[in-house]
Amino acid sequence: FFPSNLKPVFQESKSTYYKLGVLYIRGFVGEGSVQLYSIIGNKISDIEVQDLSEFNLQIDLRKNNMYVIRVVNKSEIKTFKIIVD
């Protein structure tokens, strides 16, 4: 039971994962860019995106390697690390 003047706050979940040759990014809104780097800092890809809400990128990444994904939009910059297995 919550008092009528209080509203629950839900934090939106942002995530990224790689499965069967496709990189998925979820939880963002609007336009922005997706940058993909090797773990040693080499830029692999830099893509301008009109709608980040359901972003999918077909890309061949090497197994057993770690990658850094940077998502930039008007209001924030988020960095994720993934390991391709």
C-alpha atoms as a PDB file:
ATOM      1  CA  PHE A   1       0.000   0.000   0.000  1.00  0.00           C
ATOM      2  CA  PHE A   2       1.455   3.358  -1.134  1.00  0.00           C
ATOM      3  CA  PRO A   3       0.123   6.783  -0.181  1.00  0.00           C
ATOM      4  CA  SER A   4      -1.657   8.385  -3.140  1.00  0.00           C
ATOM      5  CA  ASN A   5       0.965  11.142  -3.526  1.00  0.00           C
ATOM      6  CA  LEU A   6       3.833   8.659  -3.993  1.00  0.00           C
ATOM      7  CA  LYS A   7       4.509   6.885  -7.257  1.00  0.00           C
ATOM      8  CA  PRO A   8       6.816   3.896  -7.596  1.00  0.00           C
ATOM      9  CA  VAL A   9       9.955   4.491  -9.634  1.00  0.00           C
ATOM     10  CA  PHE A  10      11.151   1.801 -12.036  1.00  0.00           C
ATOM     11  CA  GLN A  11      14.674   1.853 -13.393  1.00  0.00           C
ATOM     12  CA  GLU A  12      14.877   1.018 -17.063  1.00  0.00           C
ATOM     13  CA  SER A  13      17.214  -1.857 -17.817  1.00  0.00           C
ATOM     14  CA  LYS A  14      19.903  -1.379 -20.456  1.00  0.00           C
ATOM     15  CA  SER A  15      21.714  -4.400 -21.811  1.00  0.00           C
ATOM     16  CA  THR A  16      23.741  -5.818 -24.637  1.00  0.00           C
ATOM     17  CA  TYR A  17      24.470  -9.376 -25.699  1.00  0.00           C
ATOM     18  CA  TYR A  18      25.885 -11.328 -28.625  1.00  0.00           C
ATOM     19  CA  LYS A  19      24.246 -14.507 -29.897  1.00  0.00           C
ATOM     20  CA  LEU A  20      24.630 -16.470 -33.143  1.00  0.00           C
ATOM     21  CA  GLY A  21      26.498 -13.687 -34.941  1.00  0.00           C
ATOM     22  CA  VAL A  22      24.166 -10.850 -33.916  1.00  0.00           C
ATOM     23  CA  LEU A  23      24.863  -8.065 -31.423  1.00  0.00           C
ATOM     24  CA  TYR A  24      21.714  -6.953 -29.559  1.00  0.00           C
ATOM     25  CA  ILE A  25      21.342  -3.698 -27.617  1.00  0.00           C
ATOM     26  CA  ARG A  26      18.220  -3.064 -25.518  1.00  0.00           C
ATOM     27  CA  GLY A  27      16.875  -0.337 -23.251  1.00  0.00           C
ATOM     28  CA  PHE A  28      17.875   2.827 -25.113  1.00  0.00           C
ATOM     29  CA  VAL A  29      15.581   5.378 -26.741  1.00  0.00           C
ATOM     30  CA  GLY A  30      16.041   7.641 -29.758  1.00  0.00           C
ATOM     31  CA  GLU A  31      18.960   8.151 -32.059  1.00  0.00           C
ATOM     32  CA  GLY A  32      22.627   7.796 -31.244  1.00  0.00           C
ATOM     33  CA  SER A  33      25.701   5.790 -32.098  1.00  0.00           C
ATOM     34  CA  VAL A  34      27.054   2.346 -31.323  1.00  0.00           C
ATOM     35  CA  GLN A  35      30.819   1.918 -31.188  1.00  0.00           C
ATOM     36  CA  LEU A  36      32.498  -1.472 -30.953  1.00  0.00           C
ATOM     37  CA  TYR A  37      36.110  -1.869 -29.803  1.00  0.00           C
ATOM     38  CA  SER A  38      38.469  -4.762 -29.244  1.00  0.00           C
ATOM     39  CA  ILE A  39      39.606  -5.088 -25.642  1.00  0.00           C
ATOM     40  CA  ILE A  40      42.928  -3.440 -26.573  1.00  0.00           C
ATOM     41  CA  GLY A  41      41.124  -0.376 -27.920  1.00  0.00           C
ATOM     42  CA  ASN A  42      41.025  -0.929 -31.679  1.00  0.00           C
ATOM     43  CA  LYS A  43      37.810   0.456 -33.157  1.00  0.00           C
ATOM     44  CA  ILE A  44      35.963  -2.276 -35.038  1.00  0.00           C
ATOM     45  CA  SER A  45      32.746  -0.442 -35.878  1.00  0.00           C
ATOM     46  CA  ASP A  46      31.084   2.964 -35.428  1.00  0.00           C
ATOM     47  CA  ILE A  47      27.447   3.107 -36.519  1.00  0.00           C
ATOM     48  CA  GLU A  48      25.008   6.020 -36.424  1.00  0.00           C
ATOM     49  CA  VAL A  49      21.562   4.698 -35.453  1.00  0.00           C
ATOM     50  CA  GLN A  50      18.173   6.393 -35.956  1.00  0.00           C
ATOM     51  CA  ASP A  51      16.373   4.210 -33.392  1.00  0.00           C
ATOM     52  CA  LEU A  52      18.307   2.524 -30.580  1.00  0.00           C
ATOM     53  CA  SER A  53      15.256   0.896 -29.010  1.00  0.00           C
ATOM     54  CA  GLU A  54      15.623  -2.446 -30.850  1.00  0.00           C
ATOM     55  CA  PHE A  55      19.160  -2.339 -32.244  1.00  0.00           C
ATOM     56  CA  ASN A  56      20.560  -5.502 -33.860  1.00  0.00           C
ATOM     57  CA  LEU A  57      23.848  -5.744 -35.742  1.00  0.00           C
ATOM     58  CA  GLN A  58      24.951  -8.802 -37.655  1.00  0.00           C
ATOM     59  CA  ILE A  59      28.702  -8.961 -37.109  1.00  0.00           C
ATOM     60  CA  ASP A  60      31.234 -11.775 -36.949  1.00  0.00           C
ATOM     61  CA  LEU A  61      33.171 -11.582 -33.672  1.00  0.00           C
ATOM     62  CA  ARG A  62      35.895 -14.007 -32.666  1.00  0.00           C
ATOM     63  CA  LYS A  63      35.154 -16.605 -30.043  1.00  0.00           C
ATOM     64  CA  ASN A  64      36.847 -16.334 -26.646  1.00  0.00           C
ATOM     65  CA  ASN A  65      37.536 -12.604 -27.122  1.00  0.00           C
ATOM     66  CA  MET A  66      36.306  -9.653 -25.074  1.00  0.00           C
ATOM     67  CA  TYR A  67      34.824  -6.546 -26.694  1.00  0.00           C
ATOM     68  CA  VAL A  68      33.801  -3.112 -25.454  1.00  0.00           C
ATOM     69  CA  ILE A  69      30.538  -1.612 -26.690  1.00  0.00           C
ATOM     70  CA  ARG A  70      29.893   2.096 -26.239  1.00  0.00           C
ATOM     71  CA  VAL A  71      26.362   3.411 -26.758  1.00  0.00           C
ATOM     72  CA  VAL A  72      25.971   7.191 -27.042  1.00  0.00           C
ATOM     73  CA  ASN A  73      22.696   9.083 -27.255  1.00  0.00           C
ATOM     74  CA  LYS A  74      21.571  12.619 -26.377  1.00  0.00           C
ATOM     75  CA  SER A  75      21.238  11.987 -22.668  1.00  0.00           C
ATOM     76  CA  GLU A  76      23.895   9.427 -21.796  1.00  0.00           C
ATOM     77  CA  ILE A  77      26.923   7.339 -22.634  1.00  0.00           C
ATOM     78  CA  LYS A  78      26.994   3.700 -21.520  1.00  0.00           C
ATOM     79  CA  THR A  79      29.839   1.222 -21.866  1.00  0.00           C
ATOM     80  CA  PHE A  80      29.431  -2.558 -21.818  1.00  0.00           C
ATOM     81  CA  LYS A  81      31.895  -5.435 -21.999  1.00  0.00           C
ATOM     82  CA  ILE A  82      30.978  -8.721 -23.613  1.00  0.00           C
ATOM     83  CA  ILE A  83      32.821 -12.000 -23.975  1.00  0.00           C
ATOM     84  CA  VAL A  84      32.022 -13.999 -27.097  1.00  0.00           C
ATOM     85  CA  ASP A  85      31.815 -17.703 -26.296  1.00  0.00           C
END
